[in-house]
Amino acid sequence: MPEFDWMTIREACRYIKVSRSTLYNWERAGKLCMYRFGRAVRIRREDIHKLASGRRSLEQHS
C-alpha cells in the first residue's frame, strides 16, 4: 500500500495562498480530493503540488 504525505487544510491554504473556502469549492468541483479521518480533514501533498503547479502555469499565461 503506498505511503502518502498529508497536509492539513491550513497548511494547504498557506502553501498555495488561497482561502479555506476556495479549497472546499475545488473539492465540490472535483478539482481536489479531501480525505476525512474522523473529524480530521487531510489533503495529499502531491495533489496540492499538482494543483499549485497548474495555477502557476495559468498565472504565467495571463
PDB file of N, CA and C in Angstrom:
ATOM      1  N   MET A   1       0.851  -1.180   0.000  1.00  0.00           N
ATOM      2  CA  MET A   1       0.000   0.000   0.000  1.00  0.00           C
ATOM      3  C   MET A   1       0.901   1.249   0.000  1.00  0.00           C
ATOM      4  N   PRO A   2       0.628   2.204  -0.874  1.00  0.00           N
ATOM      5  CA  PRO A   2       1.505   3.382  -0.955  1.00  0.00           C
ATOM      6  C   PRO A   2       1.377   4.285   0.265  1.00  0.00           C
ATOM      7  N   GLU A   3       2.481   4.907   0.605  1.00  0.00           N
ATOM      8  CA  GLU A   3       2.504   5.883   1.696  1.00  0.00           C
ATOM      9  C   GLU A   3       2.270   7.275   1.120  1.00  0.00           C
ATOM     10  N   PHE A   4       1.479   8.066   1.796  1.00  0.00           N
ATOM     11  CA  PHE A   4       1.212   9.431   1.345  1.00  0.00           C
ATOM     12  C   PHE A   4       1.663  10.417   2.409  1.00  0.00           C
ATOM     13  N   ASP A   5       2.081  11.565   1.949  1.00  0.00           N
ATOM     14  CA  ASP A   5       2.408  12.661   2.839  1.00  0.00           C
ATOM     15  C   ASP A   5       1.183  13.566   2.861  1.00  0.00           C
ATOM     16  N   TRP A   6       0.659  13.852   4.037  1.00  0.00           N
ATOM     17  CA  TRP A   6      -0.598  14.578   4.178  1.00  0.00           C
ATOM     18  C   TRP A   6      -0.375  16.011   4.626  1.00  0.00           C
ATOM     19  N   MET A   7      -1.312  16.883   4.251  1.00  0.00           N
ATOM     20  CA  MET A   7      -1.318  18.277   4.702  1.00  0.00           C
ATOM     21  C   MET A   7      -2.675  18.556   5.329  1.00  0.00           C
ATOM     22  N   THR A   8      -2.673  19.442   6.310  1.00  0.00           N
ATOM     23  CA  THR A   8      -3.937  19.909   6.861  1.00  0.00           C
ATOM     24  C   THR A   8      -4.511  20.968   5.912  1.00  0.00           C
ATOM     25  N   ILE A   9      -5.737  21.344   6.152  1.00  0.00           N
ATOM     26  CA  ILE A   9      -6.359  22.402   5.358  1.00  0.00           C
ATOM     27  C   ILE A   9      -5.560  23.695   5.504  1.00  0.00           C
ATOM     28  N   ARG A  10      -5.178  24.023   6.722  1.00  0.00           N
ATOM     29  CA  ARG A  10      -4.413  25.247   6.980  1.00  0.00           C
ATOM     30  C   ARG A  10      -3.077  25.233   6.231  1.00  0.00           C
ATOM     31  N   GLU A  11      -2.370  24.112   6.289  1.00  0.00           N
ATOM     32  CA  GLU A  11      -1.082  24.007   5.587  1.00  0.00           C
ATOM     33  C   GLU A  11      -1.253  24.174   4.084  1.00  0.00           C
ATOM     34  N   ALA A  12      -2.283  23.534   3.544  1.00  0.00           N
ATOM     35  CA  ALA A  12      -2.529  23.621   2.104  1.00  0.00           C
ATOM     36  C   ALA A  12      -2.876  25.055   1.695  1.00  0.00           C
ATOM     37  N   CYS A  13      -3.693  25.737   2.494  1.00  0.00           N
ATOM     38  CA  CYS A  13      -4.058  27.125   2.197  1.00  0.00           C
ATOM     39  C   CYS A  13      -2.832  28.021   2.179  1.00  0.00           C
ATOM     40  N   ARG A  14      -1.983  27.847   3.158  1.00  0.00           N
ATOM     41  CA  ARG A  14      -0.763  28.659   3.227  1.00  0.00           C
ATOM     42  C   ARG A  14       0.176  28.349   2.067  1.00  0.00           C
ATOM     43  N   TYR A  15       0.279  27.081   1.715  1.00  0.00           N
ATOM     44  CA  TYR A  15       1.204  26.668   0.663  1.00  0.00           C
ATOM     45  C   TYR A  15       0.827  27.260  -0.699  1.00  0.00           C
ATOM     46  N   ILE A  16      -0.459  27.209  -1.039  1.00  0.00           N
ATOM     47  CA  ILE A  16      -0.860  27.713  -2.367  1.00  0.00           C
ATOM     48  C   ILE A  16      -1.551  29.072  -2.300  1.00  0.00           C
ATOM     49  N   LYS A  17      -1.580  29.654  -1.093  1.00  0.00           N
ATOM     50  CA  LYS A  17      -2.077  31.019  -0.895  1.00  0.00           C
ATOM     51  C   LYS A  17      -3.518  31.218  -1.384  1.00  0.00           C
ATOM     52  N   VAL A  18      -4.389  30.365  -0.872  1.00  0.00           N
ATOM     53  CA  VAL A  18      -5.822  30.504  -1.139  1.00  0.00           C
ATOM     54  C   VAL A  18      -6.568  30.375   0.191  1.00  0.00           C
ATOM     55  N   SER A  19      -7.836  30.721   0.176  1.00  0.00           N
ATOM     56  CA  SER A  19      -8.648  30.625   1.391  1.00  0.00           C
ATOM     57  C   SER A  19      -9.186  29.200   1.570  1.00  0.00           C
ATOM     58  N   ARG A  20      -9.654  28.940   2.777  1.00  0.00           N
ATOM     59  CA  ARG A  20     -10.275  27.638   3.067  1.00  0.00           C
ATOM     60  C   ARG A  20     -11.475  27.399   2.161  1.00  0.00           C
ATOM     61  N   SER A  21     -12.269  28.445   1.951  1.00  0.00           N
ATOM     62  CA  SER A  21     -13.463  28.270   1.121  1.00  0.00           C
ATOM     63  C   SER A  21     -13.092  27.907  -0.320  1.00  0.00           C
ATOM     64  N   THR A  22     -11.967  28.430  -0.807  1.00  0.00           N
ATOM     65  CA  THR A  22     -11.517  28.069  -2.155  1.00  0.00           C
ATOM     66  C   THR A  22     -11.194  26.585  -2.222  1.00  0.00           C
ATOM     67  N   LEU A  23     -10.496  26.055  -1.208  1.00  0.00           N
ATOM     68  CA  LEU A  23     -10.192  24.624  -1.196  1.00  0.00           C
ATOM     69  C   LEU A  23     -11.470  23.789  -1.184  1.00  0.00           C
ATOM     70  N   TYR A  24     -12.435  24.179  -0.365  1.00  0.00           N
ATOM     71  CA  TYR A  24     -13.690  23.428  -0.313  1.00  0.00           C
ATOM     72  C   TYR A  24     -14.471  23.559  -1.625  1.00  0.00           C
ATOM     73  N   ASN A  25     -14.406  24.710  -2.266  1.00  0.00           N
ATOM     74  CA  ASN A  25     -15.053  24.870  -3.578  1.00  0.00           C
ATOM     75  C   ASN A  25     -14.399  23.967  -4.616  1.00  0.00           C
ATOM     76  N   TRP A  26     -13.068  23.877  -4.569  1.00  0.00           N
ATOM     77  CA  TRP A  26     -12.360  22.998  -5.503  1.00  0.00           C
ATOM     78  C   TRP A  26     -12.727  21.534  -5.255  1.00  0.00           C
ATOM     79  N   GLU A  27     -12.940  21.184  -3.985  1.00  0.00           N
ATOM     80  CA  GLU A  27     -13.364  19.814  -3.690  1.00  0.00           C
ATOM     81  C   GLU A  27     -14.742  19.547  -4.292  1.00  0.00           C
ATOM     82  N   ARG A  28     -15.670  20.479  -4.103  1.00  0.00           N
ATOM     83  CA  ARG A  28     -17.012  20.323  -4.665  1.00  0.00           C
ATOM     84  C   ARG A  28     -16.994  20.247  -6.186  1.00  0.00           C
ATOM     85  N   ALA A  29     -16.063  20.976  -6.808  1.00  0.00           N
ATOM     86  CA  ALA A  29     -15.952  20.992  -8.270  1.00  0.00           C
ATOM     87  C   ALA A  29     -15.190  19.776  -8.807  1.00  0.00           C
ATOM     88  N   GLY A  30     -14.617  18.965  -7.910  1.00  0.00           N
ATOM     89  CA  GLY A  30     -13.899  17.775  -8.342  1.00  0.00           C
ATOM     90  C   GLY A  30     -12.440  18.031  -8.710  1.00  0.00           C
ATOM     91  N   LYS A  31     -11.928  19.210  -8.392  1.00  0.00           N
ATOM     92  CA  LYS A  31     -10.532  19.544  -8.709  1.00  0.00           C
ATOM     93  C   LYS A  31      -9.576  19.044  -7.632  1.00  0.00           C
ATOM     94  N   LEU A  32     -10.100  18.731  -6.453  1.00  0.00           N
ATOM     95  CA  LEU A  32      -9.270  18.362  -5.320  1.00  0.00           C
ATOM     96  C   LEU A  32     -10.016  17.322  -4.492  1.00  0.00           C
ATOM     97  N   CYS A  33      -9.274  16.357  -3.982  1.00  0.00           N
ATOM     98  CA  CYS A  33      -9.872  15.319  -3.147  1.00  0.00           C
ATOM     99  C   CYS A  33      -9.405  15.499  -1.706  1.00  0.00           C
ATOM    100  N   MET A  34     -10.363  15.576  -0.792  1.00  0.00           N
ATOM    101  CA  MET A  34     -10.046  15.681   0.633  1.00  0.00           C
ATOM    102  C   MET A  34     -10.416  14.359   1.299  1.00  0.00           C
ATOM    103  N   TYR A  35      -9.622  13.979   2.267  1.00  0.00           N
ATOM    104  CA  TYR A  35      -9.832  12.722   2.970  1.00  0.00           C
ATOM    105  C   TYR A  35     -10.154  13.022   4.422  1.00  0.00           C
ATOM    106  N   ARG A  36     -11.145  12.335   4.939  1.00  0.00           N
ATOM    107  CA  ARG A  36     -11.572  12.558   6.307  1.00  0.00           C
ATOM    108  C   ARG A  36     -11.214  11.346   7.161  1.00  0.00           C
ATOM    109  N   PHE A  37     -10.522  11.619   8.253  1.00  0.00           N
ATOM    110  CA  PHE A  37     -10.138  10.602   9.223  1.00  0.00           C
ATOM    111  C   PHE A  37     -10.786  11.013  10.542  1.00  0.00           C
ATOM    112  N   GLY A  38     -11.979  10.518  10.787  1.00  0.00           N
ATOM    113  CA  GLY A  38     -12.737  11.005  11.934  1.00  0.00           C
ATOM    114  C   GLY A  38     -13.120  12.454  11.661  1.00  0.00           C
ATOM    115  N   ARG A  39     -12.728  13.347  12.550  1.00  0.00           N
ATOM    116  CA  ARG A  39     -13.019  14.770  12.344  1.00  0.00           C
ATOM    117  C   ARG A  39     -11.912  15.494  11.588  1.00  0.00           C
ATOM    118  N   ALA A  40     -10.774  14.842  11.423  1.00  0.00           N
ATOM    119  CA  ALA A  40      -9.629  15.459  10.748  1.00  0.00           C
ATOM    120  C   ALA A  40      -9.794  15.375   9.234  1.00  0.00           C
ATOM    121  N   VAL A  41      -9.498  16.464   8.553  1.00  0.00           N
ATOM    122  CA  VAL A  41      -9.543  16.513   7.089  1.00  0.00           C
ATOM    123  C   VAL A  41      -8.115  16.692   6.607  1.00  0.00           C
ATOM    124  N   ARG A  42      -7.703  15.869   5.659  1.00  0.00           N
ATOM    125  CA  ARG A  42      -6.348  15.942   5.129  1.00  0.00           C
ATOM    126  C   ARG A  42      -6.384  15.920   3.600  1.00  0.00           C
ATOM    127  N   ILE A  43      -5.326  16.471   3.025  1.00  0.00           N
ATOM    128  CA  ILE A  43      -5.163  16.504   1.574  1.00  0.00           C
ATOM    129  C   ILE A  43      -3.788  15.930   1.274  1.00  0.00           C
ATOM    130  N   ARG A  44      -3.705  15.119   0.238  1.00  0.00           N
ATOM    131  CA  ARG A  44      -2.399  14.576  -0.132  1.00  0.00           C
ATOM    132  C   ARG A  44      -1.511  15.699  -0.651  1.00  0.00           C
ATOM    133  N   ARG A  45      -0.277  15.725  -0.183  1.00  0.00           N
ATOM    134  CA  ARG A  45       0.675  16.764  -0.570  1.00  0.00           C
ATOM    135  C   ARG A  45       0.886  16.772  -2.094  1.00  0.00           C
ATOM    136  N   GLU A  46       0.944  15.607  -2.709  1.00  0.00           N
ATOM    137  CA  GLU A  46       1.164  15.555  -4.156  1.00  0.00           C
ATOM    138  C   GLU A  46      -0.006  16.190  -4.919  1.00  0.00           C
ATOM    139  N   ASP A  47      -1.229  16.074  -4.398  1.00  0.00           N
ATOM    140  CA  ASP A  47      -2.385  16.710  -5.043  1.00  0.00           C
ATOM    141  C   ASP A  47      -2.272  18.236  -4.973  1.00  0.00           C
ATOM    142  N   ILE A  48      -1.800  18.736  -3.836  1.00  0.00           N
ATOM    143  CA  ILE A  48      -1.609  20.185  -3.683  1.00  0.00           C
ATOM    144  C   ILE A  48      -0.511  20.671  -4.624  1.00  0.00           C
ATOM    145  N   HIS A  49       0.573  19.897  -4.743  1.00  0.00           N
ATOM    146  CA  HIS A  49       1.657  20.269  -5.663  1.00  0.00           C
ATOM    147  C   HIS A  49       1.149  20.354  -7.101  1.00  0.00           C
ATOM    148  N   LYS A  50       0.345  19.379  -7.505  1.00  0.00           N
ATOM    149  CA  LYS A  50      -0.210  19.384  -8.863  1.00  0.00           C
ATOM    150  C   LYS A  50      -1.116  20.594  -9.075  1.00  0.00           C
ATOM    151  N   LEU A  51      -1.959  20.858  -8.107  1.00  0.00           N
ATOM    152  CA  LEU A  51      -2.868  21.993  -8.203  1.00  0.00           C
ATOM    153  C   LEU A  51      -2.091  23.302  -8.246  1.00  0.00           C
ATOM    154  N   ALA A  52      -1.074  23.428  -7.404  1.00  0.00           N
ATOM    155  CA  ALA A  52      -0.262  24.646  -7.361  1.00  0.00           C
ATOM    156  C   ALA A  52       0.491  24.852  -8.671  1.00  0.00           C
ATOM    157  N   SER A  53       1.050  23.805  -9.237  1.00  0.00           N
ATOM    158  CA  SER A  53       1.792  23.959 -10.495  1.00  0.00           C
ATOM    159  C   SER A  53       0.848  24.330 -11.625  1.00  0.00           C
ATOM    160  N   GLY A  54      -0.375  23.832 -11.600  1.00  0.00           N
ATOM    161  CA  GLY A  54      -1.366  24.212 -12.607  1.00  0.00           C
ATOM    162  C   GLY A  54      -1.771  25.666 -12.478  1.00  0.00           C
ATOM    163  N   ARG A  55      -1.908  26.146 -11.252  1.00  0.00           N
ATOM    164  CA  ARG A  55      -2.253  27.552 -11.024  1.00  0.00           C
ATOM    165  C   ARG A  55      -1.128  28.457 -11.495  1.00  0.00           C
ATOM    166  N   ARG A  56       0.116  28.067 -11.229  1.00  0.00           N
ATOM    167  CA  ARG A  56       1.261  28.896 -11.624  1.00  0.00           C
ATOM    168  C   ARG A  56       1.350  29.007 -13.134  1.00  0.00           C
ATOM    169  N   SER A  57       1.087  27.913 -13.844  1.00  0.00           N
ATOM    170  CA  SER A  57       1.171  27.978 -15.296  1.00  0.00           C
ATOM    171  C   SER A  57       0.046  28.849 -15.859  1.00  0.00           C
ATOM    172  N   LEU A  58      -1.131  28.823 -15.228  1.00  0.00           N
ATOM    173  CA  LEU A  58      -2.213  29.701 -15.668  1.00  0.00           C
ATOM    174  C   LEU A  58      -1.874  31.170 -15.424  1.00  0.00           C
ATOM    175  N   GLU A  59      -1.255  31.463 -14.274  1.00  0.00           N
ATOM    176  CA  GLU A  59      -0.890  32.845 -13.947  1.00  0.00           C
ATOM    177  C   GLU A  59       0.172  33.381 -14.906  1.00  0.00           C
ATOM    178  N   GLN A  60       1.061  32.517 -15.379  1.00  0.00           N
ATOM    179  CA  GLN A  60       2.108  32.941 -16.308  1.00  0.00           C
ATOM    180  C   GLN A  60       1.519  33.277 -17.672  1.00  0.00           C
ATOM    181  N   HIS A  61       0.409  32.658 -18.041  1.00  0.00           N
ATOM    182  CA  HIS A  61      -0.220  32.919 -19.332  1.00  0.00           C
ATOM    183  C   HIS A  61      -1.113  34.144 -19.316  1.00  0.00           C
ATOM    184  N   SER A  62      -1.386  34.672 -18.151  1.00  0.00           N
ATOM    185  CA  SER A  62      -2.286  35.841 -18.037  1.00  0.00           C
ATOM    186  C   SER A  62      -1.579  37.114 -18.402  1.00  0.00           C
TER     187      SER A  62
END
